[in-house]
């Protein structure tokens, strides 16, 4: 989430793909993320993702094995935010992008995942592991609905975090 050039992010930490509650929550505030530039969305988002990753490593003294983000890793015709993130952290963490909206150039590089009774897919791309394996992991995540429980939780917590900060 963004407000007047400041980025706010939430990292939801869990141990098992089937977990329905977070092991911990990471909150970050990143000043000066810059303005939105069409076609360069990743530049703002990347700063927040990197801050969450840095805080995770600081707290846990290790890098995560797998990171789910609410964005594409591969856009088909260019890198997605997730690939820029993976390149920046320079480690062996699997980055799995779970996008809510279709992006036509990514159609051939993403795996469409239907969850629950939804007829609207999630669009899954990844680093390191094949997209089919990443899609399997997204299907495995807890929840009966389109959005996995903890991905939805991260979105909700981000909105609550921004609201709480503005009220202080």
C-alpha atoms as a PDB file:
ATOM      1  CA  UNK A   1       0.000   0.000   0.000  1.00  0.00           C
ATOM      2  CA  UNK A   2       1.207   3.514  -0.695  1.00  0.00           C
ATOM      3  CA  UNK A   3       0.436   6.948   0.656  1.00  0.00           C
ATOM      4  CA  UNK A   4       2.220  10.157  -0.312  1.00  0.00           C
ATOM      5  CA  UNK A   5       5.414   8.428  -1.438  1.00  0.00           C
ATOM      6  CA  UNK A   6       5.610   6.065   1.546  1.00  0.00           C
ATOM      7  CA  UNK A   7       5.235   2.307   1.124  1.00  0.00           C
ATOM      8  CA  UNK A   8       3.636   0.022   3.700  1.00  0.00           C
ATOM      9  CA  UNK A   9       4.053  -3.720   3.626  1.00  0.00           C
ATOM     10  CA  UNK A  10       3.112  -6.824   5.541  1.00  0.00           C
ATOM     11  CA  UNK A  11       4.896 -10.154   5.466  1.00  0.00           C
ATOM     12  CA  UNK A  12       2.924 -13.134   6.708  1.00  0.00           C
ATOM     13  CA  UNK A  13       5.300 -15.850   7.921  1.00  0.00           C
ATOM     14  CA  UNK A  14       4.211 -19.483   8.014  1.00  0.00           C
ATOM     15  CA  UNK A  15       5.918 -22.867   8.227  1.00  0.00           C
ATOM     16  CA  UNK A  16       3.596 -25.194   6.327  1.00  0.00           C
ATOM     17  CA  UNK A  17       1.664 -24.566   3.133  1.00  0.00           C
ATOM     18  CA  UNK A  18      -1.481 -25.801   4.880  1.00  0.00           C
ATOM     19  CA  UNK A  19      -1.191 -23.352   7.813  1.00  0.00           C
ATOM     20  CA  UNK A  20      -4.274 -21.212   8.372  1.00  0.00           C
ATOM     21  CA  UNK A  21      -2.718 -18.780  10.835  1.00  0.00           C
ATOM     22  CA  UNK A  22       0.561 -16.896  10.592  1.00  0.00           C
ATOM     23  CA  UNK A  23       3.551 -17.887  12.662  1.00  0.00           C
ATOM     24  CA  UNK A  24       4.431 -14.188  12.771  1.00  0.00           C
ATOM     25  CA  UNK A  25       3.721 -10.909  11.015  1.00  0.00           C
ATOM     26  CA  UNK A  26       6.334  -8.501   9.676  1.00  0.00           C
ATOM     27  CA  UNK A  27       5.362  -4.844   9.245  1.00  0.00           C
ATOM     28  CA  UNK A  28       7.499  -2.368   7.321  1.00  0.00           C
ATOM     29  CA  UNK A  29       7.269   1.302   6.475  1.00  0.00           C
ATOM     30  CA  UNK A  30       9.444   2.411   3.569  1.00  0.00           C
ATOM     31  CA  UNK A  31       9.799   6.167   3.015  1.00  0.00           C
ATOM     32  CA  UNK A  32      10.463   7.600  -0.422  1.00  0.00           C
ATOM     33  CA  UNK A  33       9.314   4.703  -2.595  1.00  0.00           C
ATOM     34  CA  UNK A  34       8.761   7.179  -5.400  1.00  0.00           C
ATOM     35  CA  UNK A  35       5.801   7.965  -7.561  1.00  0.00           C
ATOM     36  CA  UNK A  36       3.976   5.427  -9.681  1.00  0.00           C
ATOM     37  CA  UNK A  37       5.400   5.303 -13.195  1.00  0.00           C
ATOM     38  CA  UNK A  38       3.326   3.398 -15.790  1.00  0.00           C
ATOM     39  CA  UNK A  39       5.143   0.231 -16.812  1.00  0.00           C
ATOM     40  CA  UNK A  40       7.512   0.481 -13.843  1.00  0.00           C
ATOM     41  CA  UNK A  41       5.218  -0.570 -11.001  1.00  0.00           C
ATOM     42  CA  UNK A  42       7.881  -2.981  -9.766  1.00  0.00           C
ATOM     43  CA  UNK A  43      10.203  -0.139  -8.723  1.00  0.00           C
ATOM     44  CA  UNK A  44       7.895   0.968  -5.911  1.00  0.00           C
ATOM     45  CA  UNK A  45       6.857  -2.540  -4.937  1.00  0.00           C
ATOM     46  CA  UNK A  46      10.436  -3.822  -4.938  1.00  0.00           C
ATOM     47  CA  UNK A  47      11.526  -1.469  -2.148  1.00  0.00           C
ATOM     48  CA  UNK A  48       8.751  -2.750   0.119  1.00  0.00           C
ATOM     49  CA  UNK A  49       9.411  -6.411  -0.722  1.00  0.00           C
ATOM     50  CA  UNK A  50      13.121  -5.965  -0.025  1.00  0.00           C
ATOM     51  CA  UNK A  51      12.380  -4.339   3.350  1.00  0.00           C
ATOM     52  CA  UNK A  52      10.128  -7.258   4.342  1.00  0.00           C
ATOM     53  CA  UNK A  53      12.777  -9.776   3.235  1.00  0.00           C
ATOM     54  CA  UNK A  54      15.522  -7.927   5.128  1.00  0.00           C
ATOM     55  CA  UNK A  55      13.412  -7.895   8.296  1.00  0.00           C
ATOM     56  CA  UNK A  56      12.632 -11.604   7.940  1.00  0.00           C
ATOM     57  CA  UNK A  57      16.337 -12.431   7.632  1.00  0.00           C
ATOM     58  CA  UNK A  58      17.178 -10.162  10.590  1.00  0.00           C
ATOM     59  CA  UNK A  59      14.583 -11.830  12.831  1.00  0.00           C
ATOM     60  CA  UNK A  60      14.980 -15.450  11.724  1.00  0.00           C
ATOM     61  CA  UNK A  61      18.731 -15.420  10.963  1.00  0.00           C
ATOM     62  CA  UNK A  62      18.056 -17.305   7.733  1.00  0.00           C
ATOM     63  CA  UNK A  63      16.526 -16.733   4.334  1.00  0.00           C
ATOM     64  CA  UNK A  64      13.043 -18.056   3.589  1.00  0.00           C
ATOM     65  CA  UNK A  65      12.728 -21.182   1.445  1.00  0.00           C
ATOM     66  CA  UNK A  66       9.685 -19.912  -0.427  1.00  0.00           C
ATOM     67  CA  UNK A  67       8.160 -16.454  -0.843  1.00  0.00           C
ATOM     68  CA  UNK A  68       4.662 -15.811  -2.193  1.00  0.00           C
ATOM     69  CA  UNK A  69       4.016 -12.352  -3.602  1.00  0.00           C
ATOM     70  CA  UNK A  70       0.909 -10.656  -4.938  1.00  0.00           C
ATOM     71  CA  UNK A  71       2.375  -9.978  -8.388  1.00  0.00           C
ATOM     72  CA  UNK A  72       3.731 -11.694 -11.484  1.00  0.00           C
ATOM     73  CA  UNK A  73       7.267 -13.087 -11.525  1.00  0.00           C
ATOM     74  CA  UNK A  74       7.298 -13.391 -15.315  1.00  0.00           C
ATOM     75  CA  UNK A  75       5.234 -11.162 -17.585  1.00  0.00           C
ATOM     76  CA  UNK A  76       6.037 -13.139 -20.716  1.00  0.00           C
ATOM     77  CA  UNK A  77       7.385 -10.165 -22.623  1.00  0.00           C
ATOM     78  CA  UNK A  78       9.506  -8.840 -19.713  1.00  0.00           C
ATOM     79  CA  UNK A  79      10.438  -9.446 -16.102  1.00  0.00           C
ATOM     80  CA  UNK A  80       7.720  -9.131 -13.525  1.00  0.00           C
ATOM     81  CA  UNK A  81       8.088  -7.636 -10.061  1.00  0.00           C
ATOM     82  CA  UNK A  82       8.832 -11.081  -8.627  1.00  0.00           C
ATOM     83  CA  UNK A  83      11.816 -11.628 -10.920  1.00  0.00           C
ATOM     84  CA  UNK A  84      13.242  -8.214 -10.051  1.00  0.00           C
ATOM     85  CA  UNK A  85      12.805  -9.163  -6.397  1.00  0.00           C
ATOM     86  CA  UNK A  86      14.455 -12.577  -6.876  1.00  0.00           C
ATOM     87  CA  UNK A  87      17.372 -10.947  -8.710  1.00  0.00           C
ATOM     88  CA  UNK A  88      17.788  -8.380  -5.922  1.00  0.00           C
ATOM     89  CA  UNK A  89      17.849 -10.876  -3.038  1.00  0.00           C
ATOM     90  CA  UNK A  90      20.338 -13.093  -4.891  1.00  0.00           C
ATOM     91  CA  UNK A  91      19.529 -16.288  -3.027  1.00  0.00           C
ATOM     92  CA  UNK A  92      17.885 -19.631  -3.493  1.00  0.00           C
ATOM     93  CA  UNK A  93      14.462 -18.681  -2.176  1.00  0.00           C
ATOM     94  CA  UNK A  94      11.700 -19.747  -4.524  1.00  0.00           C
ATOM     95  CA  UNK A  95       9.583 -16.728  -5.439  1.00  0.00           C
ATOM     96  CA  UNK A  96       6.010 -17.538  -6.444  1.00  0.00           C
ATOM     97  CA  UNK A  97       3.881 -14.817  -7.951  1.00  0.00           C
ATOM     98  CA  UNK A  98       0.151 -15.099  -7.384  1.00  0.00           C
ATOM     99  CA  UNK A  99      -1.558 -12.485  -9.549  1.00  0.00           C
ATOM    100  CA  UNK A 100      -5.256 -11.693  -9.410  1.00  0.00           C
ATOM    101  CA  UNK A 101      -5.621 -10.286 -12.905  1.00  0.00           C
ATOM    102  CA  UNK A 102      -4.739 -11.620 -16.324  1.00  0.00           C
ATOM    103  CA  UNK A 103      -1.918 -10.032 -18.300  1.00  0.00           C
ATOM    104  CA  UNK A 104      -2.116 -11.250 -21.910  1.00  0.00           C
ATOM    105  CA  UNK A 105       1.644 -11.415 -22.658  1.00  0.00           C
ATOM    106  CA  UNK A 106       2.065 -13.639 -19.556  1.00  0.00           C
ATOM    107  CA  UNK A 107      -0.566 -16.107 -20.733  1.00  0.00           C
ATOM    108  CA  UNK A 108       2.004 -18.604 -22.054  1.00  0.00           C
ATOM    109  CA  UNK A 109       4.297 -18.417 -19.013  1.00  0.00           C
ATOM    110  CA  UNK A 110       1.754 -18.565 -16.201  1.00  0.00           C
ATOM    111  CA  UNK A 111      -0.268 -21.403 -14.794  1.00  0.00           C
ATOM    112  CA  UNK A 112      -3.936 -20.647 -14.179  1.00  0.00           C
ATOM    113  CA  UNK A 113      -5.140 -21.955 -10.830  1.00  0.00           C
ATOM    114  CA  UNK A 114      -8.764 -22.380  -9.872  1.00  0.00           C
ATOM    115  CA  UNK A 115      -9.425 -22.727  -6.164  1.00  0.00           C
ATOM    116  CA  UNK A 116     -12.624 -23.555  -4.351  1.00  0.00           C
ATOM    117  CA  UNK A 117     -15.735 -22.951  -6.415  1.00  0.00           C
ATOM    118  CA  UNK A 118     -14.298 -19.872  -8.142  1.00  0.00           C
ATOM    119  CA  UNK A 119     -14.448 -19.696 -11.925  1.00  0.00           C
ATOM    120  CA  UNK A 120     -11.905 -16.854 -11.954  1.00  0.00           C
ATOM    121  CA  UNK A 121      -8.318 -18.142 -11.861  1.00  0.00           C
ATOM    122  CA  UNK A 122      -5.232 -16.923 -10.087  1.00  0.00           C
ATOM    123  CA  UNK A 123      -2.229 -16.485 -12.389  1.00  0.00           C
ATOM    124  CA  UNK A 124       0.878 -18.208 -11.038  1.00  0.00           C
ATOM    125  CA  UNK A 125       4.483 -17.667 -12.135  1.00  0.00           C
ATOM    126  CA  UNK A 126       7.690 -18.540 -10.324  1.00  0.00           C
ATOM    127  CA  UNK A 127      11.461 -18.610 -10.084  1.00  0.00           C
ATOM    128  CA  UNK A 128      13.555 -21.769  -9.704  1.00  0.00           C
ATOM    129  CA  UNK A 129      10.671 -24.274  -9.773  1.00  0.00           C
ATOM    130  CA  UNK A 130       8.487 -25.001 -12.820  1.00  0.00           C
ATOM    131  CA  UNK A 131       5.220 -23.079 -12.965  1.00  0.00           C
ATOM    132  CA  UNK A 132       3.286 -26.359 -12.608  1.00  0.00           C
ATOM    133  CA  UNK A 133       4.991 -27.048  -9.266  1.00  0.00           C
ATOM    134  CA  UNK A 134       4.348 -23.482  -8.119  1.00  0.00           C
ATOM    135  CA  UNK A 135       0.686 -23.886  -9.101  1.00  0.00           C
ATOM    136  CA  UNK A 136       0.512 -27.102  -7.066  1.00  0.00           C
ATOM    137  CA  UNK A 137       1.830 -25.203  -4.028  1.00  0.00           C
ATOM    138  CA  UNK A 138      -0.772 -22.451  -4.518  1.00  0.00           C
ATOM    139  CA  UNK A 139      -3.487 -25.122  -4.671  1.00  0.00           C
ATOM    140  CA  UNK A 140      -2.051 -26.609  -1.451  1.00  0.00           C
ATOM    141  CA  UNK A 141      -2.246 -23.339   0.488  1.00  0.00           C
ATOM    142  CA  UNK A 142      -4.975 -23.263   3.120  1.00  0.00           C
ATOM    143  CA  UNK A 143      -8.401 -21.962   2.199  1.00  0.00           C
ATOM    144  CA  UNK A 144     -11.619 -22.947   0.474  1.00  0.00           C
ATOM    145  CA  UNK A 145     -11.937 -19.849  -1.681  1.00  0.00           C
ATOM    146  CA  UNK A 146     -10.142 -18.286  -4.649  1.00  0.00           C
ATOM    147  CA  UNK A 147      -7.571 -16.557  -2.488  1.00  0.00           C
ATOM    148  CA  UNK A 148      -5.510 -18.669  -0.109  1.00  0.00           C
ATOM    149  CA  UNK A 149      -6.192 -17.774   3.528  1.00  0.00           C
ATOM    150  CA  UNK A 150      -2.806 -16.253   4.314  1.00  0.00           C
ATOM    151  CA  UNK A 151      -2.519 -14.289   1.061  1.00  0.00           C
ATOM    152  CA  UNK A 152      -5.916 -12.773   1.809  1.00  0.00           C
ATOM    153  CA  UNK A 153      -4.784 -12.171   5.397  1.00  0.00           C
ATOM    154  CA  UNK A 154      -1.693 -10.277   4.201  1.00  0.00           C
ATOM    155  CA  UNK A 155      -3.883  -8.011   2.074  1.00  0.00           C
ATOM    156  CA  UNK A 156      -6.292  -7.360   4.960  1.00  0.00           C
ATOM    157  CA  UNK A 157      -3.468  -6.746   7.453  1.00  0.00           C
ATOM    158  CA  UNK A 158      -1.804  -4.273   5.083  1.00  0.00           C
ATOM    159  CA  UNK A 159      -5.004  -2.199   4.906  1.00  0.00           C
ATOM    160  CA  UNK A 160      -5.370  -2.322   8.698  1.00  0.00           C
ATOM    161  CA  UNK A 161      -1.700  -1.375   9.140  1.00  0.00           C
ATOM    162  CA  UNK A 162      -2.013   1.702   6.932  1.00  0.00           C
ATOM    163  CA  UNK A 163      -5.207   2.749   8.743  1.00  0.00           C
ATOM    164  CA  UNK A 164      -3.536   2.287  12.155  1.00  0.00           C
ATOM    165  CA  UNK A 165      -0.466   4.318  11.118  1.00  0.00           C
ATOM    166  CA  UNK A 166      -2.638   7.171   9.786  1.00  0.00           C
ATOM    167  CA  UNK A 167      -4.583   7.296  13.072  1.00  0.00           C
ATOM    168  CA  UNK A 168      -1.398   7.629  15.176  1.00  0.00           C
END
